[in-house]
N, C-alpha and C. Protein backbone atom coordinates (compact mmCIF):
# COMPACT_ATOMS: atom_id res chain seq x y z
N MET A 1 0.84 -1.20 0.00
CA MET A 1 0.00 0.00 0.00
C MET A 1 0.88 1.26 0.00
N ILE A 2 0.55 2.20 -0.87
CA ILE A 2 1.29 3.46 -0.91
C ILE A 2 0.99 4.27 0.35
N LYS A 3 2.04 4.83 0.94
CA LYS A 3 1.88 5.65 2.15
C LYS A 3 2.18 7.11 1.84
N LEU A 4 1.23 7.97 2.15
CA LEU A 4 1.39 9.42 1.96
C LEU A 4 1.44 10.11 3.31
N LEU A 5 2.42 10.96 3.49
CA LEU A 5 2.54 11.77 4.70
C LEU A 5 2.43 13.23 4.34
N ALA A 6 1.47 13.92 4.93
CA ALA A 6 1.30 15.35 4.72
C ALA A 6 1.82 16.11 5.93
N ILE A 7 2.49 17.23 5.68
CA ILE A 7 2.99 18.09 6.74
C ILE A 7 2.47 19.49 6.46
N SER A 8 1.61 19.97 7.35
CA SER A 8 1.00 21.29 7.18
C SER A 8 1.61 22.28 8.16
N SER A 9 2.01 23.45 7.64
CA SER A 9 2.66 24.44 8.50
C SER A 9 1.78 25.66 8.77
N SER A 10 0.50 25.57 8.44
CA SER A 10 -0.40 26.69 8.73
C SER A 10 -0.50 26.88 10.25
N PRO A 11 -0.44 28.13 10.73
CA PRO A 11 -0.58 28.37 12.17
C PRO A 11 -2.03 28.46 12.62
N VAL A 12 -2.97 28.38 11.67
CA VAL A 12 -4.39 28.58 11.99
C VAL A 12 -5.10 27.23 12.06
N LYS A 13 -5.59 26.88 13.23
CA LYS A 13 -6.32 25.63 13.40
C LYS A 13 -7.64 25.68 12.64
N ASN A 14 -7.90 24.64 11.86
CA ASN A 14 -9.12 24.54 11.05
C ASN A 14 -9.26 25.69 10.05
N GLY A 15 -8.12 26.24 9.64
CA GLY A 15 -8.14 27.35 8.68
C GLY A 15 -8.00 26.86 7.25
N ASN A 16 -7.66 27.79 6.37
CA ASN A 16 -7.59 27.51 4.94
C ASN A 16 -6.53 26.48 4.59
N GLY A 17 -5.34 26.63 5.17
CA GLY A 17 -4.26 25.70 4.87
C GLY A 17 -4.59 24.29 5.31
N GLU A 18 -5.14 24.15 6.50
CA GLU A 18 -5.51 22.82 6.99
C GLU A 18 -6.64 22.23 6.15
N TYR A 19 -7.52 23.09 5.65
CA TYR A 19 -8.64 22.60 4.83
C TYR A 19 -8.11 21.95 3.55
N LEU A 20 -7.20 22.65 2.86
CA LEU A 20 -6.64 22.10 1.63
C LEU A 20 -5.85 20.83 1.91
N THR A 21 -5.03 20.85 2.95
CA THR A 21 -4.22 19.67 3.27
C THR A 21 -5.11 18.48 3.60
N SER A 22 -6.13 18.70 4.42
CA SER A 22 -7.05 17.62 4.79
C SER A 22 -7.77 17.06 3.57
N HIS A 23 -8.13 17.95 2.65
CA HIS A 23 -8.80 17.52 1.42
C HIS A 23 -7.89 16.60 0.61
N MET A 24 -6.63 16.93 0.55
CA MET A 24 -5.68 16.11 -0.20
C MET A 24 -5.44 14.78 0.50
N VAL A 25 -5.38 14.78 1.82
CA VAL A 25 -5.22 13.54 2.58
C VAL A 25 -6.42 12.63 2.36
N GLN A 26 -7.61 13.22 2.39
CA GLN A 26 -8.83 12.44 2.18
C GLN A 26 -8.86 11.85 0.77
N THR A 27 -8.39 12.64 -0.21
CA THR A 27 -8.31 12.13 -1.58
C THR A 27 -7.40 10.92 -1.65
N ALA A 28 -6.25 11.01 -0.99
CA ALA A 28 -5.31 9.88 -0.98
C ALA A 28 -5.94 8.64 -0.36
N GLU A 29 -6.67 8.83 0.73
CA GLU A 29 -7.34 7.70 1.39
C GLU A 29 -8.38 7.07 0.47
N GLN A 30 -9.12 7.93 -0.23
CA GLN A 30 -10.15 7.43 -1.15
C GLN A 30 -9.54 6.64 -2.30
N LEU A 31 -8.29 6.95 -2.63
CA LEU A 31 -7.59 6.25 -3.71
C LEU A 31 -6.79 5.04 -3.20
N GLY A 32 -7.02 4.69 -1.95
CA GLY A 32 -6.43 3.47 -1.41
C GLY A 32 -5.11 3.63 -0.69
N CYS A 33 -4.71 4.86 -0.42
CA CYS A 33 -3.45 5.10 0.29
C CYS A 33 -3.63 5.02 1.80
N ASP A 34 -2.54 4.71 2.46
CA ASP A 34 -2.43 4.90 3.90
C ASP A 34 -1.92 6.32 4.08
N ALA A 35 -2.77 7.22 4.55
CA ALA A 35 -2.40 8.64 4.61
C ALA A 35 -2.54 9.19 6.01
N GLN A 36 -1.60 10.07 6.38
CA GLN A 36 -1.68 10.75 7.67
C GLN A 36 -1.13 12.15 7.52
N CYS A 37 -1.41 12.98 8.52
CA CYS A 37 -0.96 14.38 8.46
C CYS A 37 -0.45 14.83 9.82
N PHE A 38 0.63 15.59 9.79
CA PHE A 38 1.12 16.27 10.98
C PHE A 38 0.89 17.76 10.81
N TYR A 39 0.37 18.40 11.85
CA TYR A 39 0.15 19.84 11.84
C TYR A 39 1.21 20.48 12.73
N LEU A 40 2.12 21.21 12.14
CA LEU A 40 3.25 21.76 12.89
C LEU A 40 2.81 22.74 13.96
N SER A 41 1.64 23.37 13.78
CA SER A 41 1.15 24.32 14.77
C SER A 41 0.82 23.64 16.10
N GLN A 42 0.65 22.33 16.06
CA GLN A 42 0.30 21.57 17.26
C GLN A 42 1.51 20.85 17.86
N MET A 43 2.68 21.15 17.30
CA MET A 43 3.88 20.44 17.72
C MET A 43 5.00 21.41 18.09
N LYS A 44 5.94 20.91 18.84
CA LYS A 44 7.12 21.70 19.17
C LYS A 44 8.26 21.26 18.26
N ILE A 45 8.63 22.16 17.35
CA ILE A 45 9.71 21.86 16.42
C ILE A 45 10.75 22.98 16.52
N GLU A 46 11.93 22.64 17.02
CA GLU A 46 12.99 23.63 17.15
C GLU A 46 13.73 23.77 15.80
N GLU A 47 14.45 24.88 15.66
CA GLU A 47 15.24 25.05 14.46
C GLU A 47 16.52 24.22 14.54
N CYS A 48 17.08 23.90 13.37
CA CYS A 48 18.33 23.15 13.33
C CYS A 48 19.46 23.97 13.93
N LEU A 49 20.26 23.35 14.78
CA LEU A 49 21.39 24.04 15.43
C LEU A 49 22.67 23.90 14.63
N HIS A 50 22.62 23.11 13.59
CA HIS A 50 23.81 22.82 12.77
C HIS A 50 24.95 22.33 13.66
N CYS A 51 24.59 21.51 14.63
CA CYS A 51 25.60 20.97 15.54
C CYS A 51 26.34 19.78 14.93
N ASN A 52 25.75 19.22 13.87
CA ASN A 52 26.34 18.10 13.13
C ASN A 52 26.42 16.81 13.94
N ALA A 53 25.67 16.73 15.02
CA ALA A 53 25.65 15.48 15.79
C ALA A 53 25.11 14.33 14.96
N CYS A 54 24.20 14.64 14.03
CA CYS A 54 23.61 13.58 13.21
C CYS A 54 24.64 12.91 12.30
N ILE A 55 25.73 13.59 12.03
CA ILE A 55 26.73 13.03 11.10
C ILE A 55 27.39 11.77 11.65
N GLY A 56 27.62 11.74 12.94
CA GLY A 56 28.32 10.58 13.48
C GLY A 56 27.74 10.00 14.76
N LYS A 57 26.69 10.63 15.31
CA LYS A 57 26.20 10.21 16.61
C LYS A 57 24.76 9.69 16.58
N GLN A 58 24.22 9.47 15.38
CA GLN A 58 22.87 8.90 15.32
C GLN A 58 22.87 7.48 15.89
N LYS A 59 21.76 7.14 16.53
CA LYS A 59 21.53 5.78 17.00
C LYS A 59 20.18 5.32 16.46
N ILE A 60 19.94 4.04 16.43
CA ILE A 60 18.65 3.54 15.97
C ILE A 60 17.54 4.18 16.80
N GLY A 61 16.59 4.80 16.13
CA GLY A 61 15.49 5.45 16.83
C GLY A 61 15.80 6.84 17.36
N LYS A 62 16.97 7.36 17.01
CA LYS A 62 17.38 8.68 17.50
C LYS A 62 18.03 9.44 16.35
N TYR A 63 17.21 10.17 15.60
CA TYR A 63 17.70 10.87 14.42
C TYR A 63 18.50 12.12 14.78
N CYS A 64 18.08 12.81 15.85
CA CYS A 64 18.61 14.14 16.17
C CYS A 64 18.73 14.29 17.67
N VAL A 65 19.71 15.07 18.12
CA VAL A 65 19.91 15.24 19.57
C VAL A 65 18.91 16.21 20.19
N ILE A 66 18.23 17.00 19.36
CA ILE A 66 17.26 17.95 19.89
C ILE A 66 16.04 17.20 20.39
N GLU A 67 15.63 17.49 21.60
CA GLU A 67 14.48 16.81 22.20
C GLU A 67 13.20 17.60 21.90
N ASP A 68 12.51 17.21 20.85
CA ASP A 68 11.23 17.85 20.51
C ASP A 68 10.39 16.86 19.72
N ASP A 69 9.35 17.36 19.04
CA ASP A 69 8.41 16.47 18.36
C ASP A 69 8.87 16.04 16.97
N ALA A 70 10.04 16.49 16.54
CA ALA A 70 10.49 16.14 15.20
C ALA A 70 10.74 14.65 15.05
N GLN A 71 11.12 13.98 16.13
CA GLN A 71 11.43 12.56 16.07
C GLN A 71 10.28 11.75 15.47
N LYS A 72 9.05 12.00 15.93
CA LYS A 72 7.92 11.23 15.44
C LYS A 72 7.63 11.51 13.96
N ILE A 73 7.93 12.76 13.53
CA ILE A 73 7.75 13.07 12.11
C ILE A 73 8.83 12.38 11.29
N PHE A 74 10.06 12.38 11.77
CA PHE A 74 11.15 11.70 11.06
C PHE A 74 10.80 10.24 10.82
N GLU A 75 10.26 9.59 11.83
CA GLU A 75 9.90 8.17 11.71
C GLU A 75 8.86 7.98 10.61
N ALA A 76 7.86 8.86 10.58
CA ALA A 76 6.80 8.77 9.57
C ALA A 76 7.34 9.10 8.18
N VAL A 77 8.24 10.08 8.12
CA VAL A 77 8.85 10.45 6.84
C VAL A 77 9.60 9.27 6.24
N GLU A 78 10.40 8.60 7.05
CA GLU A 78 11.20 7.49 6.54
C GLU A 78 10.31 6.35 6.05
N GLY A 79 9.15 6.17 6.66
CA GLY A 79 8.27 5.07 6.28
C GLY A 79 7.27 5.40 5.20
N SER A 80 7.33 6.59 4.62
CA SER A 80 6.35 7.01 3.63
C SER A 80 6.91 6.98 2.22
N ASP A 81 6.01 6.86 1.25
CA ASP A 81 6.39 6.87 -0.16
C ASP A 81 6.23 8.26 -0.78
N ILE A 82 5.24 9.00 -0.28
CA ILE A 82 4.94 10.34 -0.80
C ILE A 82 4.96 11.33 0.35
N ILE A 83 5.65 12.45 0.17
CA ILE A 83 5.69 13.50 1.18
C ILE A 83 5.03 14.75 0.60
N LEU A 84 4.03 15.25 1.28
CA LEU A 84 3.34 16.49 0.89
C LEU A 84 3.72 17.59 1.87
N LEU A 85 4.30 18.67 1.34
CA LEU A 85 4.58 19.86 2.14
C LEU A 85 3.54 20.91 1.79
N SER A 86 2.86 21.42 2.81
CA SER A 86 1.77 22.38 2.59
C SER A 86 2.01 23.63 3.44
N SER A 87 2.13 24.78 2.77
CA SER A 87 2.43 26.04 3.47
C SER A 87 1.45 27.13 3.08
N PRO A 88 1.19 28.06 4.00
CA PRO A 88 0.52 29.31 3.61
C PRO A 88 1.54 30.21 2.92
N VAL A 89 1.06 31.09 2.08
CA VAL A 89 1.95 32.00 1.36
C VAL A 89 1.93 33.36 2.06
N TYR A 90 3.08 33.79 2.55
CA TYR A 90 3.22 35.12 3.14
C TYR A 90 4.10 36.00 2.24
N HIS A 91 5.36 35.66 2.16
CA HIS A 91 6.29 36.43 1.33
C HIS A 91 6.79 35.58 0.17
N MET A 92 5.85 34.93 -0.51
CA MET A 92 6.14 34.20 -1.75
C MET A 92 7.12 33.04 -1.55
N ARG A 93 7.04 32.39 -0.38
CA ARG A 93 7.88 31.23 -0.08
C ARG A 93 7.22 30.48 1.07
N MET A 94 7.77 29.31 1.40
CA MET A 94 7.29 28.59 2.57
C MET A 94 7.38 29.47 3.81
N ASN A 95 6.52 29.24 4.78
CA ASN A 95 6.54 30.07 5.98
C ASN A 95 7.59 29.58 6.98
N ALA A 96 7.73 30.31 8.09
CA ALA A 96 8.82 30.05 9.03
C ALA A 96 8.72 28.67 9.67
N ARG A 97 7.52 28.23 10.00
CA ARG A 97 7.37 26.91 10.62
C ARG A 97 7.87 25.80 9.69
N MET A 98 7.51 25.92 8.42
CA MET A 98 7.94 24.90 7.47
C MET A 98 9.46 24.97 7.26
N ALA A 99 10.00 26.17 7.22
CA ALA A 99 11.44 26.32 7.03
C ALA A 99 12.20 25.69 8.19
N ALA A 100 11.71 25.90 9.41
CA ALA A 100 12.38 25.32 10.58
C ALA A 100 12.35 23.79 10.51
N PHE A 101 11.19 23.26 10.12
CA PHE A 101 11.10 21.80 10.04
C PHE A 101 11.95 21.23 8.91
N THR A 102 11.85 21.80 7.73
CA THR A 102 12.59 21.23 6.59
C THR A 102 14.10 21.35 6.77
N ASP A 103 14.56 22.38 7.50
CA ASP A 103 15.99 22.44 7.81
C ASP A 103 16.43 21.22 8.62
N ARG A 104 15.55 20.75 9.46
CA ARG A 104 15.86 19.59 10.30
C ARG A 104 15.96 18.30 9.48
N LEU A 105 15.42 18.31 8.27
CA LEU A 105 15.48 17.11 7.43
C LEU A 105 16.90 16.80 6.94
N ARG A 106 17.86 17.66 7.29
CA ARG A 106 19.24 17.36 6.92
C ARG A 106 19.73 16.06 7.57
N VAL A 107 18.99 15.56 8.57
CA VAL A 107 19.35 14.26 9.16
C VAL A 107 19.25 13.15 8.11
N PHE A 108 18.45 13.39 7.05
CA PHE A 108 18.31 12.40 5.99
C PHE A 108 19.32 12.62 4.86
N ILE A 109 20.16 13.61 5.03
CA ILE A 109 21.26 13.83 4.07
C ILE A 109 22.57 13.35 4.67
N PHE A 110 22.85 13.81 5.90
CA PHE A 110 24.15 13.58 6.52
C PHE A 110 24.16 12.52 7.61
N GLY A 111 22.99 12.07 8.04
CA GLY A 111 22.94 11.13 9.16
C GLY A 111 23.71 9.84 8.91
N ASN A 112 24.48 9.41 9.90
CA ASN A 112 25.27 8.20 9.73
C ASN A 112 24.39 6.95 9.62
N ILE A 113 23.13 7.04 10.06
CA ILE A 113 22.18 5.93 9.91
C ILE A 113 21.09 6.27 8.89
N SER A 114 20.54 7.47 8.97
CA SER A 114 19.39 7.82 8.12
C SER A 114 19.77 8.53 6.83
N GLY A 115 21.05 8.79 6.62
CA GLY A 115 21.46 9.45 5.38
C GLY A 115 21.01 8.69 4.15
N ASN A 116 20.51 9.43 3.17
CA ASN A 116 20.10 8.88 1.88
C ASN A 116 18.77 8.10 1.94
N LYS A 117 18.06 8.19 3.08
CA LYS A 117 16.81 7.44 3.22
C LYS A 117 15.64 8.09 2.49
N MET A 118 15.81 9.31 1.99
CA MET A 118 14.74 9.99 1.27
C MET A 118 14.84 9.82 -0.24
N LYS A 119 15.93 9.21 -0.69
CA LYS A 119 16.18 9.09 -2.11
C LYS A 119 15.04 8.36 -2.82
N ASN A 120 14.56 9.00 -3.90
CA ASN A 120 13.51 8.46 -4.77
C ASN A 120 12.12 8.40 -4.15
N LYS A 121 11.93 9.03 -3.00
CA LYS A 121 10.57 9.24 -2.52
C LYS A 121 9.94 10.36 -3.35
N VAL A 122 8.62 10.34 -3.48
CA VAL A 122 7.91 11.34 -4.27
C VAL A 122 7.57 12.54 -3.39
N GLY A 123 7.84 13.74 -3.89
CA GLY A 123 7.53 14.96 -3.16
C GLY A 123 6.51 15.80 -3.90
N ILE A 124 5.49 16.28 -3.19
CA ILE A 124 4.50 17.18 -3.78
C ILE A 124 4.28 18.39 -2.88
N SER A 125 3.84 19.47 -3.50
CA SER A 125 3.71 20.75 -2.80
C SER A 125 2.27 21.25 -2.85
N ALA A 126 1.86 21.90 -1.76
CA ALA A 126 0.56 22.58 -1.71
C ALA A 126 0.75 23.94 -1.08
N ALA A 127 -0.02 24.91 -1.53
CA ALA A 127 0.10 26.26 -0.99
C ALA A 127 -1.26 26.96 -1.01
N VAL A 128 -1.49 27.79 -0.01
CA VAL A 128 -2.70 28.61 0.05
C VAL A 128 -2.27 30.07 0.10
N ALA A 129 -2.78 30.85 -0.84
CA ALA A 129 -2.47 32.28 -0.90
C ALA A 129 -3.76 33.08 -0.77
N TRP A 130 -3.59 34.37 -0.46
CA TRP A 130 -4.75 35.25 -0.31
C TRP A 130 -5.41 35.54 -1.65
N LYS A 131 -4.61 35.69 -2.69
CA LYS A 131 -5.17 35.96 -4.00
C LYS A 131 -4.56 35.06 -5.05
N ARG A 132 -5.21 34.97 -6.20
CA ARG A 132 -4.90 33.94 -7.19
C ARG A 132 -3.45 33.97 -7.66
N HIS A 133 -2.87 35.13 -7.79
CA HIS A 133 -1.47 35.20 -8.24
C HIS A 133 -0.60 35.77 -7.13
N GLY A 134 -0.79 35.25 -5.93
CA GLY A 134 -0.13 35.81 -4.76
C GLY A 134 1.13 35.12 -4.30
N GLY A 135 1.78 34.37 -5.18
CA GLY A 135 3.06 33.76 -4.79
C GLY A 135 3.06 32.25 -4.72
N PHE A 136 2.10 31.63 -5.39
CA PHE A 136 2.04 30.16 -5.37
C PHE A 136 3.33 29.51 -5.85
N GLU A 137 3.74 29.89 -7.05
CA GLU A 137 4.81 29.12 -7.69
C GLU A 137 6.15 29.27 -6.98
N THR A 138 6.43 30.45 -6.44
CA THR A 138 7.67 30.60 -5.69
C THR A 138 7.61 29.83 -4.37
N THR A 139 6.42 29.70 -3.80
CA THR A 139 6.27 28.89 -2.59
C THR A 139 6.46 27.41 -2.93
N HIS A 140 5.85 26.96 -4.03
CA HIS A 140 6.07 25.59 -4.47
C HIS A 140 7.56 25.32 -4.71
N LEU A 141 8.23 26.27 -5.32
CA LEU A 141 9.65 26.10 -5.60
C LEU A 141 10.46 25.96 -4.31
N SER A 142 10.08 26.72 -3.27
CA SER A 142 10.81 26.61 -2.01
C SER A 142 10.64 25.22 -1.40
N HIS A 143 9.49 24.60 -1.63
CA HIS A 143 9.30 23.20 -1.21
C HIS A 143 10.15 22.27 -2.07
N MET A 144 10.15 22.54 -3.36
CA MET A 144 10.86 21.65 -4.28
C MET A 144 12.37 21.68 -4.08
N TYR A 145 12.90 22.84 -3.66
CA TYR A 145 14.33 22.89 -3.36
C TYR A 145 14.68 21.88 -2.27
N VAL A 146 13.78 21.72 -1.31
CA VAL A 146 13.98 20.74 -0.25
C VAL A 146 13.99 19.33 -0.85
N PHE A 147 13.00 19.05 -1.70
CA PHE A 147 12.93 17.72 -2.32
C PHE A 147 14.20 17.41 -3.11
N TYR A 148 14.63 18.38 -3.90
CA TYR A 148 15.84 18.17 -4.70
C TYR A 148 17.05 17.89 -3.81
N ASN A 149 17.17 18.64 -2.73
CA ASN A 149 18.33 18.49 -1.85
C ASN A 149 18.35 17.14 -1.15
N LEU A 150 17.17 16.53 -1.02
CA LEU A 150 17.06 15.23 -0.37
C LEU A 150 17.10 14.07 -1.37
N ASP A 151 17.37 14.39 -2.65
CA ASP A 151 17.39 13.38 -3.71
C ASP A 151 16.02 12.74 -3.91
N MET A 152 14.97 13.49 -3.60
CA MET A 152 13.61 13.02 -3.85
C MET A 152 13.21 13.34 -5.29
N LEU A 153 12.02 12.92 -5.66
CA LEU A 153 11.51 13.16 -7.00
C LEU A 153 10.28 14.06 -6.92
N PRO A 154 10.46 15.37 -7.13
CA PRO A 154 9.31 16.29 -7.10
C PRO A 154 8.37 16.00 -8.26
N VAL A 155 7.08 16.01 -7.97
CA VAL A 155 6.07 15.72 -8.98
C VAL A 155 5.12 16.90 -9.11
N GLY A 156 4.85 17.29 -10.35
CA GLY A 156 3.86 18.32 -10.63
C GLY A 156 2.74 17.75 -11.47
N CYS A 157 1.78 18.60 -11.78
CA CYS A 157 0.65 18.16 -12.59
C CYS A 157 0.15 19.33 -13.41
N HIS A 158 0.06 19.13 -14.70
CA HIS A 158 -0.36 20.21 -15.61
C HIS A 158 -1.75 20.74 -15.25
N HIS A 159 -2.60 19.89 -14.70
CA HIS A 159 -3.99 20.28 -14.43
C HIS A 159 -4.22 20.72 -12.98
N SER A 160 -3.17 21.22 -12.32
CA SER A 160 -3.35 21.65 -10.92
C SER A 160 -3.11 23.15 -10.75
N ILE A 161 -3.63 23.94 -11.67
CA ILE A 161 -3.52 25.41 -11.69
C ILE A 161 -2.08 25.82 -11.96
N SER A 162 -1.19 25.51 -11.03
CA SER A 162 0.25 25.64 -11.28
C SER A 162 0.80 24.24 -11.52
N PRO A 163 1.61 24.04 -12.55
CA PRO A 163 2.22 22.73 -12.77
C PRO A 163 3.12 22.30 -11.61
N LEU A 164 3.45 23.24 -10.73
CA LEU A 164 4.38 22.94 -9.63
C LEU A 164 3.70 22.41 -8.38
N GLY A 165 2.38 22.61 -8.26
CA GLY A 165 1.74 22.13 -7.04
C GLY A 165 0.30 22.57 -6.91
N ALA A 166 -0.37 22.00 -5.90
CA ALA A 166 -1.76 22.35 -5.61
C ALA A 166 -1.83 23.78 -5.11
N SER A 167 -2.77 24.55 -5.65
CA SER A 167 -2.82 25.99 -5.36
C SER A 167 -4.25 26.42 -5.11
N ALA A 168 -4.52 26.92 -3.90
CA ALA A 168 -5.87 27.35 -3.55
C ALA A 168 -5.84 28.73 -2.91
N VAL A 169 -6.94 29.48 -3.08
CA VAL A 169 -6.99 30.85 -2.57
C VAL A 169 -7.93 30.95 -1.37
N SER A 170 -7.61 31.85 -0.46
CA SER A 170 -8.41 32.02 0.74
C SER A 170 -9.38 33.18 0.65
N SER A 171 -9.24 34.04 -0.36
CA SER A 171 -10.25 35.08 -0.59
C SER A 171 -11.20 34.59 -1.68
N ARG A 172 -12.44 35.02 -1.63
CA ARG A 172 -13.43 34.55 -2.59
C ARG A 172 -13.01 34.87 -4.02
N HIS A 173 -12.97 33.84 -4.86
CA HIS A 173 -12.58 33.96 -6.26
C HIS A 173 -11.13 34.42 -6.44
N GLY A 174 -10.39 34.51 -5.35
CA GLY A 174 -9.00 34.94 -5.44
C GLY A 174 -8.83 36.40 -5.75
N HIS A 175 -9.88 37.22 -5.49
CA HIS A 175 -9.80 38.65 -5.83
C HIS A 175 -9.02 39.47 -4.80
N GLY A 176 -8.70 38.87 -3.65
CA GLY A 176 -7.87 39.55 -2.67
C GLY A 176 -8.59 40.59 -1.83
N LEU A 177 -9.90 40.58 -1.84
CA LEU A 177 -10.67 41.53 -1.04
C LEU A 177 -11.15 40.86 0.24
N PHE A 178 -11.16 41.62 1.34
CA PHE A 178 -11.59 41.07 2.62
C PHE A 178 -13.11 41.09 2.72
N GLU A 179 -13.68 39.93 3.02
CA GLU A 179 -15.11 39.82 3.24
C GLU A 179 -15.32 39.11 4.58
N LYS A 180 -15.88 39.80 5.52
CA LYS A 180 -15.99 39.32 6.88
C LYS A 180 -16.71 37.99 6.97
N GLU A 181 -17.70 37.79 6.11
CA GLU A 181 -18.51 36.57 6.20
C GLU A 181 -17.80 35.33 5.64
N VAL A 182 -16.69 35.53 4.94
CA VAL A 182 -15.95 34.40 4.37
C VAL A 182 -14.94 33.91 5.42
N ARG A 183 -15.26 32.79 6.04
CA ARG A 183 -14.41 32.29 7.11
C ARG A 183 -13.35 31.31 6.61
N CYS A 184 -13.67 30.59 5.55
CA CYS A 184 -12.71 29.64 4.98
C CYS A 184 -12.89 29.64 3.47
N GLY A 185 -12.23 30.59 2.84
CA GLY A 185 -12.40 30.79 1.41
C GLY A 185 -11.98 29.59 0.58
N VAL A 186 -11.02 28.81 1.07
CA VAL A 186 -10.57 27.65 0.32
C VAL A 186 -11.72 26.67 0.09
N SER A 187 -12.64 26.59 1.04
CA SER A 187 -13.77 25.66 0.89
C SER A 187 -14.65 26.03 -0.29
N GLU A 188 -14.57 27.28 -0.76
CA GLU A 188 -15.34 27.73 -1.91
C GLU A 188 -14.54 27.70 -3.21
N ASP A 189 -13.25 27.39 -3.10
CA ASP A 189 -12.38 27.40 -4.27
C ASP A 189 -12.37 26.01 -4.90
N ALA A 190 -13.39 25.73 -5.72
CA ALA A 190 -13.52 24.39 -6.31
C ALA A 190 -12.32 24.02 -7.16
N GLU A 191 -11.81 24.97 -7.92
CA GLU A 191 -10.66 24.68 -8.79
C GLU A 191 -9.40 24.42 -7.97
N GLY A 192 -9.24 25.17 -6.89
CA GLY A 192 -8.08 24.95 -6.04
C GLY A 192 -8.11 23.58 -5.39
N LEU A 193 -9.28 23.18 -4.89
CA LEU A 193 -9.42 21.86 -4.29
C LEU A 193 -9.20 20.76 -5.33
N LYS A 194 -9.70 21.01 -6.53
CA LYS A 194 -9.51 20.04 -7.62
C LYS A 194 -8.02 19.89 -7.95
N SER A 195 -7.29 21.00 -7.86
CA SER A 195 -5.85 20.93 -8.14
C SER A 195 -5.16 20.01 -7.15
N GLY A 196 -5.62 20.02 -5.90
CA GLY A 196 -5.07 19.11 -4.90
C GLY A 196 -5.36 17.66 -5.22
N GLU A 197 -6.58 17.40 -5.67
CA GLU A 197 -6.97 16.04 -6.04
C GLU A 197 -6.11 15.52 -7.20
N MET A 198 -5.95 16.36 -8.23
CA MET A 198 -5.19 15.94 -9.40
C MET A 198 -3.73 15.67 -9.06
N LEU A 199 -3.17 16.50 -8.17
CA LEU A 199 -1.76 16.32 -7.80
C LEU A 199 -1.56 15.03 -7.01
N VAL A 200 -2.48 14.75 -6.10
CA VAL A 200 -2.39 13.51 -5.32
C VAL A 200 -2.47 12.29 -6.25
N LYS A 201 -3.38 12.33 -7.19
CA LYS A 201 -3.51 11.22 -8.14
C LYS A 201 -2.21 11.02 -8.92
N ARG A 202 -1.62 12.12 -9.35
CA ARG A 202 -0.37 12.05 -10.10
C ARG A 202 0.75 11.45 -9.24
N ALA A 203 0.84 11.89 -7.99
CA ALA A 203 1.88 11.39 -7.08
C ALA A 203 1.72 9.90 -6.85
N ILE A 204 0.49 9.44 -6.70
CA ILE A 204 0.24 8.02 -6.47
C ILE A 204 0.65 7.21 -7.70
N ASP A 205 0.32 7.71 -8.87
CA ASP A 205 0.70 7.02 -10.11
C ASP A 205 2.22 6.87 -10.20
N VAL A 206 2.93 7.94 -9.86
CA VAL A 206 4.39 7.90 -9.93
C VAL A 206 4.96 6.96 -8.87
N ALA A 207 4.41 7.02 -7.67
CA ALA A 207 4.89 6.14 -6.59
C ALA A 207 4.68 4.67 -6.95
N LYS A 208 3.55 4.38 -7.57
CA LYS A 208 3.28 3.00 -7.98
C LYS A 208 4.25 2.55 -9.08
N ALA A 209 4.50 3.46 -10.02
CA ALA A 209 5.45 3.14 -11.10
C ALA A 209 6.84 2.89 -10.54
N LEU A 210 7.26 3.69 -9.58
CA LEU A 210 8.57 3.50 -8.97
C LEU A 210 8.63 2.18 -8.21
N GLY A 211 7.54 1.86 -7.55
CA GLY A 211 7.49 0.61 -6.80
C GLY A 211 7.59 -0.61 -7.67
N SER A 212 7.04 -0.52 -8.86
CA SER A 212 7.06 -1.66 -9.77
C SER A 212 8.44 -1.92 -10.35
N LYS A 213 9.35 -0.92 -10.21
CA LYS A 213 10.68 -1.04 -10.78
C LYS A 213 11.71 -1.48 -9.73
N LYS A 214 11.26 -1.59 -8.49
CA LYS A 214 12.21 -1.96 -7.43
C LYS A 214 12.53 -3.46 -7.48
């Protein structure tokens, strides 16, 4: 069974970012995947100290010397076939929570035990912006730089608004105007939600193809 792990860095509980991520997780489950999601807003994730302890001091079950919630995510990451990174768009890139977490993934590059464990896993990106052209693609690219650095295989989809990733807007129709009555604009963005569905389907197809070649 294909395993998909979603990591959402939205700081808003039950907000737009979580809505899109949950929709993509549900799509994966409907397509027969074992899918789960971690919400970084509910976890304690410290920034990487660049202490390099992972280079020579890793032990089985101990990826990093920092005592926080990253350990449980690392375990899930290593056991998954598809990794979904989902960020809100602020300054046209992944937000600070996601940056702090993805910096910690260097344990899968340099770790004396976990090094190279991300190679050939499928990576997909999701982003929620305030308006339709509010920085989706540069945010997707910031996710993809992580995938590339981990020797993963980033996957896009021509039919997901941006070929680089699932893209949904939090303002109605993506016009960027504030409307008090709109509490979760992503729930009204049918095309944005569809982009998430199409991207998940594409990732599963690729993961299955890779599995058949092992």
